[in-house]
C-alpha atoms as a PDB file:
ATOM      1  CA  UNK A   1     -10.391   2.210  21.999  1.00  0.00           C
ATOM      2  CA  UNK A   2     -12.880  -0.383  23.210  1.00  0.00           C
ATOM      3  CA  UNK A   3     -10.252  -1.972  25.489  1.00  0.00           C
ATOM      4  CA  UNK A   4      -9.715   1.449  27.091  1.00  0.00           C
ATOM      5  CA  UNK A   5     -13.479   1.694  27.568  1.00  0.00           C
ATOM      6  CA  UNK A   6     -13.674  -1.609  29.424  1.00  0.00           C
ATOM      7  CA  UNK A   7     -10.737  -0.601  31.635  1.00  0.00           C
ATOM      8  CA  UNK A   8     -12.054   2.902  32.388  1.00  0.00           C
ATOM      9  CA  UNK A   9     -15.776   2.121  32.620  1.00  0.00           C
ATOM     10  CA  UNK A  10     -16.325  -0.943  34.737  1.00  0.00           C
ATOM     11  CA  UNK A  11     -20.070  -0.487  35.142  1.00  0.00           C
ATOM     12  CA  UNK A  12     -22.598  -1.776  32.612  1.00  0.00           C
ATOM     13  CA  UNK A  13     -25.853   0.169  32.543  1.00  0.00           C
ATOM     14  CA  UNK A  14     -28.678  -2.065  33.702  1.00  0.00           C
ATOM     15  CA  UNK A  15     -31.241   0.663  34.372  1.00  0.00           C
ATOM     16  CA  UNK A  16     -31.245   0.935  38.138  1.00  0.00           C
ATOM     17  CA  UNK A  17     -27.551   1.846  38.268  1.00  0.00           C
ATOM     18  CA  UNK A  18     -27.723   4.931  36.042  1.00  0.00           C
ATOM     19  CA  UNK A  19     -26.302   7.194  38.788  1.00  0.00           C
ATOM     20  CA  UNK A  20     -23.172   5.013  39.041  1.00  0.00           C
ATOM     21  CA  UNK A  21     -22.746   4.470  35.291  1.00  0.00           C
ATOM     22  CA  UNK A  22     -23.170   8.092  34.161  1.00  0.00           C
ATOM     23  CA  UNK A  23     -20.095   9.673  35.827  1.00  0.00           C
ATOM     24  CA  UNK A  24     -17.898   6.856  34.534  1.00  0.00           C
ATOM     25  CA  UNK A  25     -19.108   7.396  30.968  1.00  0.00           C
ATOM     26  CA  UNK A  26     -18.785  11.176  31.248  1.00  0.00           C
ATOM     27  CA  UNK A  27     -15.205  10.858  32.501  1.00  0.00           C
ATOM     28  CA  UNK A  28     -14.384   8.385  29.730  1.00  0.00           C
ATOM     29  CA  UNK A  29     -15.754  10.764  27.070  1.00  0.00           C
ATOM     30  CA  UNK A  30     -13.783  13.670  28.510  1.00  0.00           C
ATOM     31  CA  UNK A  31     -10.573  11.622  28.679  1.00  0.00           C
ATOM     32  CA  UNK A  32     -10.908  10.398  25.095  1.00  0.00           C
ATOM     33  CA  UNK A  33     -11.843  13.690  23.435  1.00  0.00           C
ATOM     34  CA  UNK A  34     -15.516  12.809  23.030  1.00  0.00           C
ATOM     35  CA  UNK A  35     -16.784  15.159  25.731  1.00  0.00           C
ATOM     36  CA  UNK A  36     -18.497  17.418  23.208  1.00  0.00           C
ATOM     37  CA  UNK A  37     -20.893  14.559  22.446  1.00  0.00           C
ATOM     38  CA  UNK A  38     -22.581  15.236  25.765  1.00  0.00           C
ATOM     39  CA  UNK A  39     -22.051  18.991  25.969  1.00  0.00           C
ATOM     40  CA  UNK A  40     -22.673  20.263  22.421  1.00  0.00           C
ATOM     41  CA  UNK A  41     -25.643  20.280  20.103  1.00  0.00           C
ATOM     42  CA  UNK A  42     -25.220  19.635  16.381  1.00  0.00           C
ATOM     43  CA  UNK A  43     -24.297  22.702  14.337  1.00  0.00           C
ATOM     44  CA  UNK A  44     -27.161  24.929  13.195  1.00  0.00           C
ATOM     45  CA  UNK A  45     -27.888  25.014   9.494  1.00  0.00           C
ATOM     46  CA  UNK A  46     -27.161  28.448   7.978  1.00  0.00           C
ATOM     47  CA  UNK A  47     -29.568  30.518   5.912  1.00  0.00           C
ATOM     48  CA  UNK A  48     -30.556  29.026   2.539  1.00  0.00           C
ATOM     49  CA  UNK A  49     -27.615  28.686   0.178  1.00  0.00           C
ATOM     50  CA  UNK A  50     -27.149  31.468  -2.324  1.00  0.00           C
ATOM     51  CA  UNK A  51     -24.473  30.303  -4.755  1.00  0.00           C
ATOM     52  CA  UNK A  52     -23.959  33.883  -5.938  1.00  0.00           C
ATOM     53  CA  UNK A  53     -23.090  35.094  -2.414  1.00  0.00           C
ATOM     54  CA  UNK A  54     -19.557  34.162  -1.302  1.00  0.00           C
ATOM     55  CA  UNK A  55     -20.464  34.590   2.384  1.00  0.00           C
ATOM     56  CA  UNK A  56     -23.360  32.167   1.956  1.00  0.00           C
ATOM     57  CA  UNK A  57     -21.127  29.623   0.213  1.00  0.00           C
ATOM     58  CA  UNK A  58     -18.504  30.008   2.951  1.00  0.00           C
ATOM     59  CA  UNK A  59     -21.131  29.590   5.692  1.00  0.00           C
ATOM     60  CA  UNK A  60     -22.363  26.358   4.117  1.00  0.00           C
ATOM     61  CA  UNK A  61     -18.821  25.023   3.732  1.00  0.00           C
ATOM     62  CA  UNK A  62     -18.131  25.743   7.407  1.00  0.00           C
ATOM     63  CA  UNK A  63     -21.446  24.145   8.355  1.00  0.00           C
ATOM     64  CA  UNK A  64     -20.685  21.013   6.315  1.00  0.00           C
ATOM     65  CA  UNK A  65     -17.259  20.700   7.965  1.00  0.00           C
ATOM     66  CA  UNK A  66     -18.701  21.227  11.449  1.00  0.00           C
ATOM     67  CA  UNK A  67     -21.521  18.746  10.840  1.00  0.00           C
ATOM     68  CA  UNK A  68     -19.083  16.106   9.599  1.00  0.00           C
ATOM     69  CA  UNK A  69     -16.932  16.562  12.706  1.00  0.00           C
ATOM     70  CA  UNK A  70     -19.973  16.499  15.012  1.00  0.00           C
ATOM     71  CA  UNK A  71     -21.317  13.318  13.382  1.00  0.00           C
ATOM     72  CA  UNK A  72     -17.944  11.586  13.772  1.00  0.00           C
ATOM     73  CA  UNK A  73     -17.824  12.355  17.496  1.00  0.00           C
ATOM     74  CA  UNK A  74     -21.502  11.461  17.880  1.00  0.00           C
ATOM     75  CA  UNK A  75     -21.038   8.085  16.181  1.00  0.00           C
ATOM     76  CA  UNK A  76     -18.059   7.230  18.392  1.00  0.00           C
ATOM     77  CA  UNK A  77     -19.927   8.300  21.531  1.00  0.00           C
ATOM     78  CA  UNK A  78     -23.023   6.249  20.668  1.00  0.00           C
ATOM     79  CA  UNK A  79     -20.841   3.228  19.905  1.00  0.00           C
ATOM     80  CA  UNK A  80     -19.077   3.536  23.248  1.00  0.00           C
ATOM     81  CA  UNK A  81     -22.378   3.932  25.067  1.00  0.00           C
ATOM     82  CA  UNK A  82     -23.752   0.804  23.411  1.00  0.00           C
ATOM     83  CA  UNK A  83     -20.717  -1.197  24.507  1.00  0.00           C
ATOM     84  CA  UNK A  84     -21.544  -0.442  28.157  1.00  0.00           C
ATOM     85  CA  UNK A  85     -25.270  -1.263  28.048  1.00  0.00           C
ATOM     86  CA  UNK A  86     -26.732  -4.491  29.337  1.00  0.00           C
ATOM     87  CA  UNK A  87     -28.323  -6.588  26.567  1.00  0.00           C
ATOM     88  CA  UNK A  88     -31.845  -5.689  27.701  1.00  0.00           C
ATOM     89  CA  UNK A  89     -31.088  -1.948  27.554  1.00  0.00           C
ATOM     90  CA  UNK A  90     -29.163  -2.325  24.279  1.00  0.00           C
ATOM     91  CA  UNK A  91     -32.271  -3.765  22.621  1.00  0.00           C
ATOM     92  CA  UNK A  92     -34.320  -0.747  23.736  1.00  0.00           C
ATOM     93  CA  UNK A  93     -31.686   1.698  22.504  1.00  0.00           C
ATOM     94  CA  UNK A  94     -30.969  -0.081  19.226  1.00  0.00           C
ATOM     95  CA  UNK A  95     -33.047   2.155  16.980  1.00  0.00           C
ATOM     96  CA  UNK A  96     -32.521   5.410  18.834  1.00  0.00           C
ATOM     97  CA  UNK A  97     -29.931   8.053  18.079  1.00  0.00           C
ATOM     98  CA  UNK A  98     -28.866   9.097  21.555  1.00  0.00           C
ATOM     99  CA  UNK A  99     -25.955  11.497  22.105  1.00  0.00           C
ATOM    100  CA  UNK A 100     -26.685  12.927  25.516  1.00  0.00           C
ATOM    101  CA  UNK A 101     -26.111  10.607  28.463  1.00  0.00           C
ATOM    102  CA  UNK A 102     -29.081  12.141  30.244  1.00  0.00           C
ATOM    103  CA  UNK A 103     -31.344  10.649  27.574  1.00  0.00           C
ATOM    104  CA  UNK A 104     -30.691   7.191  29.024  1.00  0.00           C
ATOM    105  CA  UNK A 105     -32.211   8.335  32.309  1.00  0.00           C
ATOM    106  CA  UNK A 106     -35.664   7.735  30.833  1.00  0.00           C
ATOM    107  CA  UNK A 107     -35.103   4.025  30.180  1.00  0.00           C
END
């Protein structure tokens, strides 16, 4: 997928070109099925688990499945973002978990 990224997103984020870079990344995410990384929050944890209540067990199973799916998309999105950051921005973002493109607007 990284070769598709470099073909689709020709701009590397340097800081002052955020307004050019953002629409390219958004379009890339939409085209590759990662759009929810910038439009969806992680799933909300259900009420405390009650192993005696089948609805509670089912809710936690659904939550676990949704969280796993969300984390997979999030990880791919963050990886793709990092590939299109200039080295100086990449160093700043290294230890941050950023899933929303708008979060890079503060750098």
